[in-house]
Amino acid sequence: MDPTTIDVEKVTAVLLIDGWHYIQPRSFHIEPYAFTSGDDVVAKPQPGYFFAKIDQISREMQYFLGPIDCVMAVRFAVATAVDRDDDDEDGGDRDHDRDDDEEEF
């Protein structure tokens, strides 16, 4: 995967000018949007973002949509793996293993 590629399915928060918004899982989308009045388009479609989040006070679902240029940053989940040091063959931590001759109270 290219290090600059962001999977929109993994976005967990969006930074807008008013701060971070922690979003509902898999709700972030980038699609064209336009303002309409009835059946008439009153503003030319442009690239935009969409996400949903739960308000922390009212617990109501909120929906956000706007120009993609207003997104300052995103947080996203990255799969990670633990790289274990194979020096300790029995899998224990040498610094924290109890000596056999220590007394237990």
Protein backbone atom coordinates (compact mmCIF):
# COMPACT_ATOMS: atom_id res chain seq x y z
CA MET A 1 0.00 0.00 0.00
CA ASP A 2 1.22 3.47 -0.88
CA PRO A 3 1.95 5.35 2.41
CA THR A 4 -0.15 8.31 1.23
CA THR A 5 -3.18 6.17 0.40
CA ILE A 6 -6.04 6.43 2.91
CA ASP A 7 -8.81 3.84 2.86
CA VAL A 8 -12.00 5.84 3.54
CA GLU A 9 -13.49 2.73 5.17
CA LYS A 10 -10.87 3.06 7.95
CA VAL A 11 -11.28 6.78 8.75
CA THR A 12 -12.10 7.18 12.46
CA ALA A 13 -12.02 10.98 12.87
CA VAL A 14 -12.08 14.10 10.69
CA LEU A 15 -10.39 17.43 11.50
CA LEU A 16 -12.42 20.43 10.40
CA ILE A 17 -11.76 24.05 11.31
CA ASP A 18 -13.78 23.66 14.53
CA GLY A 19 -11.82 20.62 15.74
CA TRP A 20 -11.81 16.84 15.58
CA HIS A 21 -15.01 14.94 14.86
CA TYR A 22 -15.02 11.27 15.92
CA ILE A 23 -17.24 9.61 13.36
CA GLN A 24 -19.41 6.55 13.00
CA PRO A 25 -17.49 3.56 11.59
CA ARG A 26 -17.38 3.44 7.78
CA SER A 27 -19.48 6.62 7.41
CA PHE A 28 -16.78 8.77 5.75
CA HIS A 29 -17.31 9.19 1.99
CA ILE A 30 -15.94 11.49 -0.69
CA GLU A 31 -18.50 12.23 -3.40
CA PRO A 32 -19.71 15.20 -5.43
CA TYR A 33 -22.42 17.30 -3.81
CA ALA A 34 -24.55 20.24 -4.89
CA PHE A 35 -27.19 22.49 -3.37
CA THR A 36 -30.66 22.21 -4.83
CA SER A 37 -33.99 24.00 -4.55
CA GLY A 38 -36.71 21.58 -5.51
CA ASP A 39 -35.54 19.99 -8.75
CA ASP A 40 -33.23 22.89 -9.64
CA VAL A 41 -29.50 22.70 -8.92
CA VAL A 42 -28.58 26.11 -7.52
CA ALA A 43 -24.85 25.50 -7.13
CA LYS A 44 -22.50 23.58 -9.39
CA PRO A 45 -21.60 20.09 -8.03
CA GLN A 46 -18.16 19.94 -6.41
CA PRO A 47 -16.07 17.29 -4.63
CA GLY A 48 -17.17 16.94 -1.04
CA TYR A 49 -17.00 14.88 2.13
CA PHE A 50 -19.75 13.22 4.13
CA PHE A 51 -19.74 11.61 7.56
CA ALA A 52 -22.06 10.82 10.44
CA LYS A 53 -21.41 11.10 14.16
CA ILE A 54 -23.30 10.87 17.43
CA ASP A 55 -23.59 14.12 19.37
CA GLN A 56 -21.96 13.68 22.81
CA ILE A 57 -24.67 15.67 24.65
CA SER A 58 -27.96 14.90 22.91
CA ARG A 59 -26.89 11.42 21.68
CA GLU A 60 -28.60 12.24 18.37
CA MET A 61 -27.10 11.24 15.01
CA GLN A 62 -25.61 14.22 13.15
CA TYR A 63 -24.64 14.33 9.47
CA PHE A 64 -21.89 16.53 8.05
CA LEU A 65 -21.28 17.37 4.40
CA GLY A 66 -19.10 20.05 2.83
CA PRO A 67 -16.31 20.86 0.37
CA ILE A 68 -13.43 18.39 0.51
CA ASP A 69 -11.05 21.37 0.75
CA CYS A 70 -12.38 21.98 4.29
CA VAL A 71 -11.03 18.66 5.57
CA MET A 72 -7.73 19.52 7.27
CA ALA A 73 -6.79 15.96 8.30
CA VAL A 74 -8.19 12.53 8.99
CA ARG A 75 -7.34 9.82 11.50
CA PHE A 76 -7.53 6.27 10.32
CA ALA A 77 -6.91 2.78 11.60
CA VAL A 78 -3.72 1.05 10.50
CA ALA A 79 -3.25 -2.66 10.96
CA THR A 80 -0.17 -3.34 13.05
CA ALA A 81 1.68 -6.43 14.16
CA VAL A 82 3.82 -6.94 17.23
CA ASP A 83 7.42 -7.73 16.33
CA ARG A 84 8.70 -9.94 19.12
CA ASP A 85 12.36 -10.26 20.00
CA ASP A 86 13.29 -13.93 19.50
CA ASP A 87 16.27 -13.79 21.89
CA ASP A 88 14.21 -15.31 24.70
CA GLU A 89 13.27 -18.70 23.31
CA ASP A 90 10.81 -19.66 26.08
CA GLY A 91 8.67 -16.59 25.32
CA GLY A 92 9.08 -15.04 28.78
CA ASP A 93 10.48 -11.68 29.64
CA ARG A 94 13.91 -12.22 31.14
CA ASP A 95 13.80 -9.01 33.17
CA HIS A 96 10.50 -9.89 34.80
CA ASP A 97 10.81 -13.67 35.31
CA ARG A 98 10.85 -14.62 38.99
CA ASP A 99 13.91 -16.48 40.22
CA ASP A 100 13.12 -20.01 41.44
CA ASP A 101 14.74 -19.39 44.81
CA GLU A 102 12.69 -16.23 45.58
CA GLU A 103 10.18 -16.61 48.38
CA GLU A 104 6.54 -15.81 47.78
CA PHE A 105 4.65 -13.97 50.54
